Amino acid sequence: MSDNSDAKIATADALTLLLHNQHAICAAIEELTKWLSENGVSSVAANAAGALEALDTNAQGITEAIMQLRRS
């Protein structure tokens, strides 16, 4: 295996760990958003929902980058 392949594998592995962290953060924000909504803090809940959208969008990009690294 060449150094370049090793670097791609290490990068893909690191991105995978970051993606797992991103999913965990998303789950935590979802729980907080639900609690905020249930406790009458809808404006803050709406802001949290916007953050969730950004996390989802970025997770898709990270997933695509991981797949591209693993294919090459």
PDB file of N, CA and C in Angstrom:
ATOM      1  N   MET A   1       0.836  -1.162   0.000  1.00  0.00           N
ATOM      2  CA  MET A   1       0.000   0.000   0.000  1.00  0.00           C
ATOM      3  C   MET A   1       0.892   1.239   0.000  1.00  0.00           C
ATOM      4  N   SER A   2       0.594   2.178  -0.846  1.00  0.00           N
ATOM      5  CA  SER A   2       1.420   3.377  -0.938  1.00  0.00           C
ATOM      6  C   SER A   2       1.095   4.332   0.203  1.00  0.00           C
ATOM      7  N   ASP A   3       1.997   5.282   0.413  1.00  0.00           N
ATOM      8  CA  ASP A   3       1.773   6.289   1.447  1.00  0.00           C
ATOM      9  C   ASP A   3       0.499   7.075   1.172  1.00  0.00           C
ATOM     10  N   ASN A   4       0.225   7.346  -0.128  1.00  0.00           N
ATOM     11  CA  ASN A   4      -0.974   8.098  -0.488  1.00  0.00           C
ATOM     12  C   ASN A   4      -2.235   7.330  -0.102  1.00  0.00           C
ATOM     13  N   SER A   5      -2.248   6.028  -0.326  1.00  0.00           N
ATOM     14  CA  SER A   5      -3.402   5.203   0.059  1.00  0.00           C
ATOM     15  C   SER A   5      -3.566   5.194   1.572  1.00  0.00           C
ATOM     16  N   ASP A   6      -2.447   5.077   2.281  1.00  0.00           N
ATOM     17  CA  ASP A   6      -2.510   5.102   3.741  1.00  0.00           C
ATOM     18  C   ASP A   6      -3.083   6.429   4.236  1.00  0.00           C
ATOM     19  N   ALA A   7      -2.681   7.506   3.608  1.00  0.00           N
ATOM     20  CA  ALA A   7      -3.175   8.831   3.996  1.00  0.00           C
ATOM     21  C   ALA A   7      -4.670   8.945   3.713  1.00  0.00           C
ATOM     22  N   LYS A   8      -5.119   8.403   2.583  1.00  0.00           N
ATOM     23  CA  LYS A   8      -6.547   8.448   2.251  1.00  0.00           C
ATOM     24  C   LYS A   8      -7.362   7.630   3.239  1.00  0.00           C
ATOM     25  N   ILE A   9      -6.843   6.472   3.619  1.00  0.00           N
ATOM     26  CA  ILE A   9      -7.545   5.626   4.588  1.00  0.00           C
ATOM     27  C   ILE A   9      -7.618   6.328   5.938  1.00  0.00           C
ATOM     28  N   ALA A  10      -6.501   6.909   6.366  1.00  0.00           N
ATOM     29  CA  ALA A  10      -6.481   7.617   7.649  1.00  0.00           C
ATOM     30  C   ALA A  10      -7.432   8.812   7.625  1.00  0.00           C
ATOM     31  N   THR A  11      -7.469   9.520   6.514  1.00  0.00           N
ATOM     32  CA  THR A  11      -8.374  10.668   6.383  1.00  0.00           C
ATOM     33  C   THR A  11      -9.825  10.212   6.419  1.00  0.00           C
ATOM     34  N   ALA A  12     -10.139   9.160   5.693  1.00  0.00           N
ATOM     35  CA  ALA A  12     -11.503   8.632   5.679  1.00  0.00           C
ATOM     36  C   ALA A  12     -11.905   8.147   7.069  1.00  0.00           C
ATOM     37  N   ASP A  13     -10.982   7.490   7.765  1.00  0.00           N
ATOM     38  CA  ASP A  13     -11.281   7.023   9.122  1.00  0.00           C
ATOM     39  C   ASP A  13     -11.538   8.199  10.066  1.00  0.00           C
ATOM     40  N   ALA A  14     -10.718   9.247   9.961  1.00  0.00           N
ATOM     41  CA  ALA A  14     -10.901  10.426  10.808  1.00  0.00           C
ATOM     42  C   ALA A  14     -12.230  11.111  10.492  1.00  0.00           C
ATOM     43  N   LEU A  15     -12.557  11.225   9.207  1.00  0.00           N
ATOM     44  CA  LEU A  15     -13.828  11.832   8.825  1.00  0.00           C
ATOM     45  C   LEU A  15     -15.008  11.003   9.328  1.00  0.00           C
ATOM     46  N   THR A  16     -14.852   9.701   9.325  1.00  0.00           N
ATOM     47  CA  THR A  16     -15.916   8.823   9.825  1.00  0.00           C
ATOM     48  C   THR A  16     -16.158   9.078  11.307  1.00  0.00           C
ATOM     49  N   LEU A  17     -15.087   9.228  12.071  1.00  0.00           N
ATOM     50  CA  LEU A  17     -15.240   9.534  13.491  1.00  0.00           C
ATOM     51  C   LEU A  17     -15.906  10.896  13.688  1.00  0.00           C
ATOM     52  N   LEU A  18     -15.516  11.871  12.897  1.00  0.00           N
ATOM     53  CA  LEU A  18     -16.151  13.183  12.978  1.00  0.00           C
ATOM     54  C   LEU A  18     -17.631  13.104  12.619  1.00  0.00           C
ATOM     55  N   LEU A  19     -17.961  12.287  11.647  1.00  0.00           N
ATOM     56  CA  LEU A  19     -19.359  12.116  11.258  1.00  0.00           C
ATOM     57  C   LEU A  19     -20.160  11.490  12.397  1.00  0.00           C
ATOM     58  N   HIS A  20     -19.568  10.506  13.087  1.00  0.00           N
ATOM     59  CA  HIS A  20     -20.244   9.909  14.243  1.00  0.00           C
ATOM     60  C   HIS A  20     -20.479  10.971  15.321  1.00  0.00           C
ATOM     61  N   ASN A  21     -19.493  11.828  15.546  1.00  0.00           N
ATOM     62  CA  ASN A  21     -19.657  12.921  16.506  1.00  0.00           C
ATOM     63  C   ASN A  21     -20.774  13.852  16.063  1.00  0.00           C
ATOM     64  N   GLN A  22     -20.818  14.133  14.772  1.00  0.00           N
ATOM     65  CA  GLN A  22     -21.843  15.020  14.236  1.00  0.00           C
ATOM     66  C   GLN A  22     -23.235  14.439  14.483  1.00  0.00           C
ATOM     67  N   HIS A  23     -23.378  13.137  14.288  1.00  0.00           N
ATOM     68  CA  HIS A  23     -24.669  12.485  14.534  1.00  0.00           C
ATOM     69  C   HIS A  23     -25.042  12.555  16.022  1.00  0.00           C
ATOM     70  N   ALA A  24     -24.064  12.399  16.895  1.00  0.00           N
ATOM     71  CA  ALA A  24     -24.334  12.481  18.329  1.00  0.00           C
ATOM     72  C   ALA A  24     -24.761  13.892  18.720  1.00  0.00           C
ATOM     73  N   ILE A  25     -24.089  14.893  18.176  1.00  0.00           N
ATOM     74  CA  ILE A  25     -24.454  16.285  18.447  1.00  0.00           C
ATOM     75  C   ILE A  25     -25.872  16.559  17.939  1.00  0.00           C
ATOM     76  N   CYS A  26     -26.165  16.053  16.771  1.00  0.00           N
ATOM     77  CA  CYS A  26     -27.496  16.236  16.189  1.00  0.00           C
ATOM     78  C   CYS A  26     -28.567  15.623  17.093  1.00  0.00           C
ATOM     79  N   ALA A  27     -28.309  14.438  17.605  1.00  0.00           N
ATOM     80  CA  ALA A  27     -29.280  13.786  18.489  1.00  0.00           C
ATOM     81  C   ALA A  27     -29.485  14.607  19.761  1.00  0.00           C
ATOM     82  N   ALA A  28     -28.412  15.148  20.297  1.00  0.00           N
ATOM     83  CA  ALA A  28     -28.530  15.967  21.511  1.00  0.00           C
ATOM     84  C   ALA A  28     -29.325  17.241  21.231  1.00  0.00           C
ATOM     85  N   ILE A  29     -29.058  17.886  20.105  1.00  0.00           N
ATOM     86  CA  ILE A  29     -29.786  19.103  19.761  1.00  0.00           C
ATOM     87  C   ILE A  29     -31.261  18.793  19.513  1.00  0.00           C
ATOM     88  N   GLU A  30     -31.551  17.642  18.916  1.00  0.00           N
ATOM     89  CA  GLU A  30     -32.943  17.249  18.708  1.00  0.00           C
ATOM     90  C   GLU A  30     -33.675  17.114  20.044  1.00  0.00           C
ATOM     91  N   GLU A  31     -33.016  16.494  21.027  1.00  0.00           N
ATOM     92  CA  GLU A  31     -33.632  16.353  22.345  1.00  0.00           C
ATOM     93  C   GLU A  31     -33.862  17.715  22.991  1.00  0.00           C
ATOM     94  N   LEU A  32     -32.880  18.587  22.893  1.00  0.00           N
ATOM     95  CA  LEU A  32     -33.029  19.932  23.450  1.00  0.00           C
ATOM     96  C   LEU A  32     -34.129  20.711  22.742  1.00  0.00           C
ATOM     97  N   THR A  33     -34.209  20.573  21.434  1.00  0.00           N
ATOM     98  CA  THR A  33     -35.249  21.255  20.663  1.00  0.00           C
ATOM     99  C   THR A  33     -36.626  20.793  21.104  1.00  0.00           C
ATOM    100  N   LYS A  34     -36.773  19.498  21.290  1.00  0.00           N
ATOM    101  CA  LYS A  34     -38.061  18.953  21.755  1.00  0.00           C
ATOM    102  C   LYS A  34     -38.412  19.529  23.122  1.00  0.00           C
ATOM    103  N   TRP A  35     -37.456  19.538  24.032  1.00  0.00           N
ATOM    104  CA  TRP A  35     -37.702  20.065  25.376  1.00  0.00           C
ATOM    105  C   TRP A  35     -38.070  21.546  25.316  1.00  0.00           C
ATOM    106  N   LEU A  36     -37.332  22.315  24.507  1.00  0.00           N
ATOM    107  CA  LEU A  36     -37.618  23.741  24.372  1.00  0.00           C
ATOM    108  C   LEU A  36     -39.032  23.972  23.852  1.00  0.00           C
ATOM    109  N   SER A  37     -39.410  23.208  22.845  1.00  0.00           N
ATOM    110  CA  SER A  37     -40.758  23.342  22.274  1.00  0.00           C
ATOM    111  C   SER A  37     -41.829  23.017  23.306  1.00  0.00           C
ATOM    112  N   GLU A  38     -41.599  21.960  24.068  1.00  0.00           N
ATOM    113  CA  GLU A  38     -42.580  21.533  25.069  1.00  0.00           C
ATOM    114  C   GLU A  38     -42.676  22.504  26.247  1.00  0.00           C
ATOM    115  N   ASN A  39     -41.648  23.325  26.429  1.00  0.00           N
ATOM    116  CA  ASN A  39     -41.624  24.238  27.567  1.00  0.00           C
ATOM    117  C   ASN A  39     -41.785  25.694  27.154  1.00  0.00           C
ATOM    118  N   GLY A  40     -42.367  25.898  25.985  1.00  0.00           N
ATOM    119  CA  GLY A  40     -42.763  27.235  25.580  1.00  0.00           C
ATOM    120  C   GLY A  40     -41.655  28.162  25.121  1.00  0.00           C
ATOM    121  N   VAL A  41     -40.541  27.623  24.729  1.00  0.00           N
ATOM    122  CA  VAL A  41     -39.441  28.466  24.251  1.00  0.00           C
ATOM    123  C   VAL A  41     -39.286  28.222  22.742  1.00  0.00           C
ATOM    124  N   SER A  42     -40.348  28.505  22.034  1.00  0.00           N
ATOM    125  CA  SER A  42     -40.407  28.142  20.619  1.00  0.00           C
ATOM    126  C   SER A  42     -39.405  28.905  19.760  1.00  0.00           C
ATOM    127  N   SER A  43     -39.083  30.146  20.117  1.00  0.00           N
ATOM    128  CA  SER A  43     -38.126  30.897  19.293  1.00  0.00           C
ATOM    129  C   SER A  43     -36.735  30.275  19.368  1.00  0.00           C
ATOM    130  N   VAL A  44     -36.351  29.813  20.550  1.00  0.00           N
ATOM    131  CA  VAL A  44     -35.055  29.145  20.695  1.00  0.00           C
ATOM    132  C   VAL A  44     -35.108  27.778  20.014  1.00  0.00           C
ATOM    133  N   ALA A  45     -36.225  27.103  20.123  1.00  0.00           N
ATOM    134  CA  ALA A  45     -36.387  25.805  19.456  1.00  0.00           C
ATOM    135  C   ALA A  45     -36.252  25.960  17.949  1.00  0.00           C
ATOM    136  N   ALA A  46     -36.796  27.048  17.410  1.00  0.00           N
ATOM    137  CA  ALA A  46     -36.685  27.293  15.967  1.00  0.00           C
ATOM    138  C   ALA A  46     -35.226  27.517  15.571  1.00  0.00           C
ATOM    139  N   ASN A  47     -34.475  28.226  16.390  1.00  0.00           N
ATOM    140  CA  ASN A  47     -33.052  28.417  16.105  1.00  0.00           C
ATOM    141  C   ASN A  47     -32.299  27.088  16.146  1.00  0.00           C
ATOM    142  N   ALA A  48     -32.645  26.251  17.114  1.00  0.00           N
ATOM    143  CA  ALA A  48     -32.013  24.939  17.211  1.00  0.00           C
ATOM    144  C   ALA A  48     -32.354  24.084  15.994  1.00  0.00           C
ATOM    145  N   ALA A  49     -33.588  24.195  15.522  1.00  0.00           N
ATOM    146  CA  ALA A  49     -33.986  23.447  14.322  1.00  0.00           C
ATOM    147  C   ALA A  49     -33.169  23.902  13.115  1.00  0.00           C
ATOM    148  N   GLY A  50     -32.870  25.179  13.042  1.00  0.00           N
ATOM    149  CA  GLY A  50     -32.005  25.679  11.966  1.00  0.00           C
ATOM    150  C   GLY A  50     -30.606  25.100  12.053  1.00  0.00           C
ATOM    151  N   ALA A  51     -30.097  24.966  13.268  1.00  0.00           N
ATOM    152  CA  ALA A  51     -28.780  24.346  13.455  1.00  0.00           C
ATOM    153  C   ALA A  51     -28.795  22.889  13.008  1.00  0.00           C
ATOM    154  N   LEU A  52     -29.911  22.213  13.277  1.00  0.00           N
ATOM    155  CA  LEU A  52     -30.040  20.818  12.844  1.00  0.00           C
ATOM    156  C   LEU A  52     -29.975  20.697  11.327  1.00  0.00           C
ATOM    157  N   GLU A  53     -30.595  21.635  10.638  1.00  0.00           N
ATOM    158  CA  GLU A  53     -30.550  21.616   9.169  1.00  0.00           C
ATOM    159  C   GLU A  53     -29.114  21.753   8.677  1.00  0.00           C
ATOM    160  N   ALA A  54     -28.343  22.640   9.293  1.00  0.00           N
ATOM    161  CA  ALA A  54     -26.944  22.804   8.905  1.00  0.00           C
ATOM    162  C   ALA A  54     -26.150  21.532   9.180  1.00  0.00           C
ATOM    163  N   LEU A  55     -26.395  20.903  10.321  1.00  0.00           N
ATOM    164  CA  LEU A  55     -25.705  19.654  10.639  1.00  0.00           C
ATOM    165  C   LEU A  55     -26.038  18.576   9.616  1.00  0.00           C
ATOM    166  N   ASP A  56     -27.299  18.473   9.232  1.00  0.00           N
ATOM    167  CA  ASP A  56     -27.703  17.476   8.236  1.00  0.00           C
ATOM    168  C   ASP A  56     -27.021  17.720   6.898  1.00  0.00           C
ATOM    169  N   THR A  57     -27.011  18.986   6.469  1.00  0.00           N
ATOM    170  CA  THR A  57     -26.371  19.331   5.197  1.00  0.00           C
ATOM    171  C   THR A  57     -24.889  18.985   5.233  1.00  0.00           C
ATOM    172  N   ASN A  58     -24.224  19.362   6.313  1.00  0.00           N
ATOM    173  CA  ASN A  58     -22.800  19.096   6.429  1.00  0.00           C
ATOM    174  C   ASN A  58     -22.501  17.610   6.550  1.00  0.00           C
ATOM    175  N   ALA A  59     -23.377  16.865   7.211  1.00  0.00           N
ATOM    176  CA  ALA A  59     -23.188  15.420   7.330  1.00  0.00           C
ATOM    177  C   ALA A  59     -23.233  14.760   5.953  1.00  0.00           C
ATOM    178  N   GLN A  60     -24.104  15.247   5.096  1.00  0.00           N
ATOM    179  CA  GLN A  60     -24.172  14.703   3.736  1.00  0.00           C
ATOM    180  C   GLN A  60     -22.865  14.951   2.992  1.00  0.00           C
ATOM    181  N   GLY A  61     -22.307  16.153   3.141  1.00  0.00           N
ATOM    182  CA  GLY A  61     -21.035  16.462   2.490  1.00  0.00           C
ATOM    183  C   GLY A  61     -19.895  15.621   3.029  1.00  0.00           C
ATOM    184  N   ILE A  62     -19.867  15.426   4.332  1.00  0.00           N
ATOM    185  CA  ILE A  62     -18.823  14.594   4.938  1.00  0.00           C
ATOM    186  C   ILE A  62     -18.948  13.157   4.451  1.00  0.00           C
ATOM    187  N   THR A  63     -20.174  12.651   4.380  1.00  0.00           N
ATOM    188  CA  THR A  63     -20.403  11.285   3.898  1.00  0.00           C
ATOM    189  C   THR A  63     -19.907  11.127   2.464  1.00  0.00           C
ATOM    190  N   GLU A  64     -20.205  12.089   1.625  1.00  0.00           N
ATOM    191  CA  GLU A  64     -19.744  12.031   0.238  1.00  0.00           C
ATOM    192  C   GLU A  64     -18.220  12.042   0.157  1.00  0.00           C
ATOM    193  N   ALA A  65     -17.580  12.857   0.986  1.00  0.00           N
ATOM    194  CA  ALA A  65     -16.116  12.909   0.985  1.00  0.00           C
ATOM    195  C   ALA A  65     -15.529  11.574   1.445  1.00  0.00           C
ATOM    196  N   ILE A  66     -16.131  10.975   2.460  1.00  0.00           N
ATOM    197  CA  ILE A  66     -15.665   9.667   2.942  1.00  0.00           C
ATOM    198  C   ILE A  66     -15.778   8.631   1.835  1.00  0.00           C
ATOM    199  N   MET A  67     -16.919   8.614   1.160  1.00  0.00           N
ATOM    200  CA  MET A  67     -17.129   7.629   0.094  1.00  0.00           C
ATOM    201  C   MET A  67     -16.125   7.828  -1.039  1.00  0.00           C
ATOM    202  N   GLN A  68     -15.866   9.067  -1.384  1.00  0.00           N
ATOM    203  CA  GLN A  68     -14.912   9.352  -2.457  1.00  0.00           C
ATOM    204  C   GLN A  68     -13.506   8.901  -2.069  1.00  0.00           C
ATOM    205  N   LEU A  69     -13.110   9.156  -0.830  1.00  0.00           N
ATOM    206  CA  LEU A  69     -11.793   8.698  -0.362  1.00  0.00           C
ATOM    207  C   LEU A  69     -11.700   7.186  -0.359  1.00  0.00           C
ATOM    208  N   ARG A  70     -12.749   6.533   0.063  1.00  0.00           N
ATOM    209  CA  ARG A  70     -12.712   5.066   0.146  1.00  0.00           C
ATOM    210  C   ARG A  70     -12.732   4.412  -1.246  1.00  0.00           C
ATOM    211  N   ARG A  71     -13.299   5.093  -2.223  1.00  0.00           N
ATOM    212  CA  ARG A  71     -13.325   4.557  -3.593  1.00  0.00           C
ATOM    213  C   ARG A  71     -11.990   4.750  -4.308  1.00  0.00           C
ATOM    214  N   SER A  72     -11.237   5.770  -3.893  1.00  0.00           N
ATOM    215  CA  SER A  72      -9.994   6.067  -4.638  1.00  0.00           C
ATOM    216  C   SER A  72      -8.804   5.306  -4.092  1.00  0.00           C
TER     217      SER A  72
END
